[in-house]
Amino acid sequence: MDEQQFRLRCDEAMGDLYKALVKAADKHELEVDENAGALTVEFEDPPAKFVVSPNAPVRQIWVSALTRSFKLDWNAERAAFVLPESGATLKEMMGTVIGTQLGETVQL
């Protein structure tokens, strides 16, 4: 995948995730912000900040959440960025880590 393809796929994935997070913010205790291509999800209780950002040189989306870093690769078969260890898509993985942070089930 060249950089232009990565950017297009990444923009689409990040846009879809942003829309899902905004909907989730109506139901759950979190705030979502988009700035310079990165998304932040902030929590008040317990306090935390998750960051989702593209990493063009390695063609991945990186997520900093729950005191660790998750690196998602493009999966052509699923047409989605996927976490290799679990097979979860970006939205599925974010729902899981947000749910873990809040102590409740969150589906994006």
C-alpha atoms as a PDB file:
ATOM      1  CA  MET A   1       0.000   0.000   0.000  1.00  0.00           C
ATOM      2  CA  ASP A   2       1.465   3.355  -0.969  1.00  0.00           C
ATOM      3  CA  GLU A   3       1.178   6.491   1.155  1.00  0.00           C
ATOM      4  CA  GLN A   4      -1.765   7.906  -0.805  1.00  0.00           C
ATOM      5  CA  GLN A   5      -3.762   4.680  -0.359  1.00  0.00           C
ATOM      6  CA  PHE A   6      -2.855   4.647   3.320  1.00  0.00           C
ATOM      7  CA  ARG A   7      -4.023   8.234   3.762  1.00  0.00           C
ATOM      8  CA  LEU A   8      -7.366   7.532   2.061  1.00  0.00           C
ATOM      9  CA  ARG A   9      -8.007   4.385   4.093  1.00  0.00           C
ATOM     10  CA  CYS A  10      -6.823   6.023   7.285  1.00  0.00           C
ATOM     11  CA  ASP A  11      -8.978   9.139   6.757  1.00  0.00           C
ATOM     12  CA  GLU A  12     -12.032   6.942   6.200  1.00  0.00           C
ATOM     13  CA  ALA A  13     -11.317   4.764   9.251  1.00  0.00           C
ATOM     14  CA  MET A  14     -10.601   7.753  11.496  1.00  0.00           C
ATOM     15  CA  GLY A  15     -13.733   9.563  10.253  1.00  0.00           C
ATOM     16  CA  ASP A  16     -15.905   6.518  10.943  1.00  0.00           C
ATOM     17  CA  LEU A  17     -14.344   6.116  14.374  1.00  0.00           C
ATOM     18  CA  TYR A  18     -14.891   9.794  15.200  1.00  0.00           C
ATOM     19  CA  LYS A  19     -18.597   9.557  14.319  1.00  0.00           C
ATOM     20  CA  ALA A  20     -18.967   6.402  16.438  1.00  0.00           C
ATOM     21  CA  LEU A  21     -17.163   8.032  19.373  1.00  0.00           C
ATOM     22  CA  VAL A  22     -19.362  11.143  19.212  1.00  0.00           C
ATOM     23  CA  LYS A  23     -22.460   8.894  19.427  1.00  0.00           C
ATOM     24  CA  ALA A  24     -20.883   6.969  22.311  1.00  0.00           C
ATOM     25  CA  ALA A  25     -20.172  10.248  24.141  1.00  0.00           C
ATOM     26  CA  ASP A  26     -23.942  10.832  24.300  1.00  0.00           C
ATOM     27  CA  LYS A  27     -24.377   7.564  26.238  1.00  0.00           C
ATOM     28  CA  HIS A  28     -21.136   7.258  28.200  1.00  0.00           C
ATOM     29  CA  GLU A  29     -18.929   9.524  30.317  1.00  0.00           C
ATOM     30  CA  LEU A  30     -16.312  10.532  27.751  1.00  0.00           C
ATOM     31  CA  GLU A  31     -15.297  13.467  25.593  1.00  0.00           C
ATOM     32  CA  VAL A  32     -13.994  13.212  22.028  1.00  0.00           C
ATOM     33  CA  ASP A  33     -11.828  15.679  20.138  1.00  0.00           C
ATOM     34  CA  GLU A  34     -10.176  15.695  16.714  1.00  0.00           C
ATOM     35  CA  ASN A  35      -7.015  17.710  16.199  1.00  0.00           C
ATOM     36  CA  ALA A  36      -4.514  17.579  13.318  1.00  0.00           C
ATOM     37  CA  GLY A  37      -5.616  14.118  12.214  1.00  0.00           C
ATOM     38  CA  ALA A  38      -5.499  12.560  15.682  1.00  0.00           C
ATOM     39  CA  LEU A  39      -8.424  11.706  17.935  1.00  0.00           C
ATOM     40  CA  THR A  40      -8.424  12.015  21.697  1.00  0.00           C
ATOM     41  CA  VAL A  41     -10.886  10.407  24.069  1.00  0.00           C
ATOM     42  CA  GLU A  42     -10.881  11.804  27.594  1.00  0.00           C
ATOM     43  CA  PHE A  43     -12.442  10.435  30.760  1.00  0.00           C
ATOM     44  CA  GLU A  44     -13.100  12.197  34.056  1.00  0.00           C
ATOM     45  CA  ASP A  45     -13.681   9.269  36.416  1.00  0.00           C
ATOM     46  CA  PRO A  46     -11.243   7.645  36.536  1.00  0.00           C
ATOM     47  CA  PRO A  47      -9.196  10.267  34.681  1.00  0.00           C
ATOM     48  CA  ALA A  48      -7.528   9.086  31.495  1.00  0.00           C
ATOM     49  CA  LYS A  49      -6.766  10.150  27.943  1.00  0.00           C
ATOM     50  CA  PHE A  50      -6.627   7.821  24.926  1.00  0.00           C
ATOM     51  CA  VAL A  51      -5.013   8.950  21.657  1.00  0.00           C
ATOM     52  CA  VAL A  52      -5.645   7.485  18.184  1.00  0.00           C
ATOM     53  CA  SER A  53      -3.261   8.626  15.463  1.00  0.00           C
ATOM     54  CA  PRO A  54      -2.058   7.555  12.025  1.00  0.00           C
ATOM     55  CA  ASN A  55       1.577   6.592  11.573  1.00  0.00           C
ATOM     56  CA  ALA A  56       2.167   6.990   7.832  1.00  0.00           C
ATOM     57  CA  PRO A  57       5.809   5.795   7.663  1.00  0.00           C
ATOM     58  CA  VAL A  58       4.819   2.317   8.905  1.00  0.00           C
ATOM     59  CA  ARG A  59       1.243   2.407   7.444  1.00  0.00           C
ATOM     60  CA  GLN A  60      -0.415   1.768  10.803  1.00  0.00           C
ATOM     61  CA  ILE A  61      -2.906   3.406  13.140  1.00  0.00           C
ATOM     62  CA  TRP A  62      -1.547   3.665  16.670  1.00  0.00           C
ATOM     63  CA  VAL A  63      -3.689   3.812  19.775  1.00  0.00           C
ATOM     64  CA  SER A  64      -2.370   4.822  23.170  1.00  0.00           C
ATOM     65  CA  ALA A  65      -4.821   3.523  25.780  1.00  0.00           C
ATOM     66  CA  LEU A  66      -4.841   1.724  29.125  1.00  0.00           C
ATOM     67  CA  THR A  67      -1.131   2.476  29.632  1.00  0.00           C
ATOM     68  CA  ARG A  68      -0.082   0.641  26.471  1.00  0.00           C
ATOM     69  CA  SER A  69       0.277   1.119  22.749  1.00  0.00           C
ATOM     70  CA  PHE A  70      -1.790  -0.766  20.172  1.00  0.00           C
ATOM     71  CA  LYS A  71      -0.604  -0.895  16.547  1.00  0.00           C
ATOM     72  CA  LEU A  72      -3.222  -1.708  13.920  1.00  0.00           C
ATOM     73  CA  ASP A  73      -2.402  -2.855  10.387  1.00  0.00           C
ATOM     74  CA  TRP A  74      -4.529  -2.649   7.245  1.00  0.00           C
ATOM     75  CA  ASN A  75      -6.279  -5.948   6.523  1.00  0.00           C
ATOM     76  CA  ALA A  76      -7.345  -6.084   2.860  1.00  0.00           C
ATOM     77  CA  GLU A  77      -9.671  -9.065   3.377  1.00  0.00           C
ATOM     78  CA  ARG A  78     -11.648  -7.212   6.048  1.00  0.00           C
ATOM     79  CA  ALA A  79     -11.135  -3.765   4.479  1.00  0.00           C
ATOM     80  CA  ALA A  80     -10.279  -2.409   7.928  1.00  0.00           C
ATOM     81  CA  PHE A  81      -7.409  -1.583  10.250  1.00  0.00           C
ATOM     82  CA  VAL A  82      -7.042  -4.603  12.534  1.00  0.00           C
ATOM     83  CA  LEU A  83      -5.116  -5.388  15.715  1.00  0.00           C
ATOM     84  CA  PRO A  84      -2.982  -8.416  14.756  1.00  0.00           C
ATOM     85  CA  GLU A  85      -3.026 -10.034  18.228  1.00  0.00           C
ATOM     86  CA  SER A  86      -6.814 -10.231  18.516  1.00  0.00           C
ATOM     87  CA  GLY A  87      -8.173  -9.658  15.019  1.00  0.00           C
ATOM     88  CA  ALA A  88     -10.308  -6.783  16.347  1.00  0.00           C
ATOM     89  CA  THR A  89     -11.010  -3.876  14.021  1.00  0.00           C
ATOM     90  CA  LEU A  90     -10.218  -0.309  15.093  1.00  0.00           C
ATOM     91  CA  LYS A  91     -13.816   0.324  16.226  1.00  0.00           C
ATOM     92  CA  GLU A  92     -14.078  -3.033  18.007  1.00  0.00           C
ATOM     93  CA  MET A  93     -10.776  -2.498  19.803  1.00  0.00           C
ATOM     94  CA  MET A  94     -11.715   1.038  20.830  1.00  0.00           C
ATOM     95  CA  GLY A  95     -15.071  -0.179  22.165  1.00  0.00           C
ATOM     96  CA  THR A  96     -13.209  -2.760  24.254  1.00  0.00           C
ATOM     97  CA  VAL A  97     -10.623  -0.372  25.733  1.00  0.00           C
ATOM     98  CA  ILE A  98     -13.232   2.329  26.422  1.00  0.00           C
ATOM     99  CA  GLY A  99     -15.454  -0.268  28.077  1.00  0.00           C
ATOM    100  CA  THR A 100     -12.510  -1.442  30.187  1.00  0.00           C
ATOM    101  CA  GLN A 101     -11.804   2.154  31.237  1.00  0.00           C
ATOM    102  CA  LEU A 102     -15.443   2.825  32.154  1.00  0.00           C
ATOM    103  CA  GLY A 103     -16.191  -0.601  33.636  1.00  0.00           C
ATOM    104  CA  GLU A 104     -19.139  -1.157  31.303  1.00  0.00           C
ATOM    105  CA  THR A 105     -19.882  -2.567  27.855  1.00  0.00           C
ATOM    106  CA  VAL A 106     -19.301  -0.081  25.039  1.00  0.00           C
ATOM    107  CA  GLN A 107     -20.099  -0.905  21.458  1.00  0.00           C
ATOM    108  CA  LEU A 108     -19.074   1.481  18.687  1.00  0.00           C
END
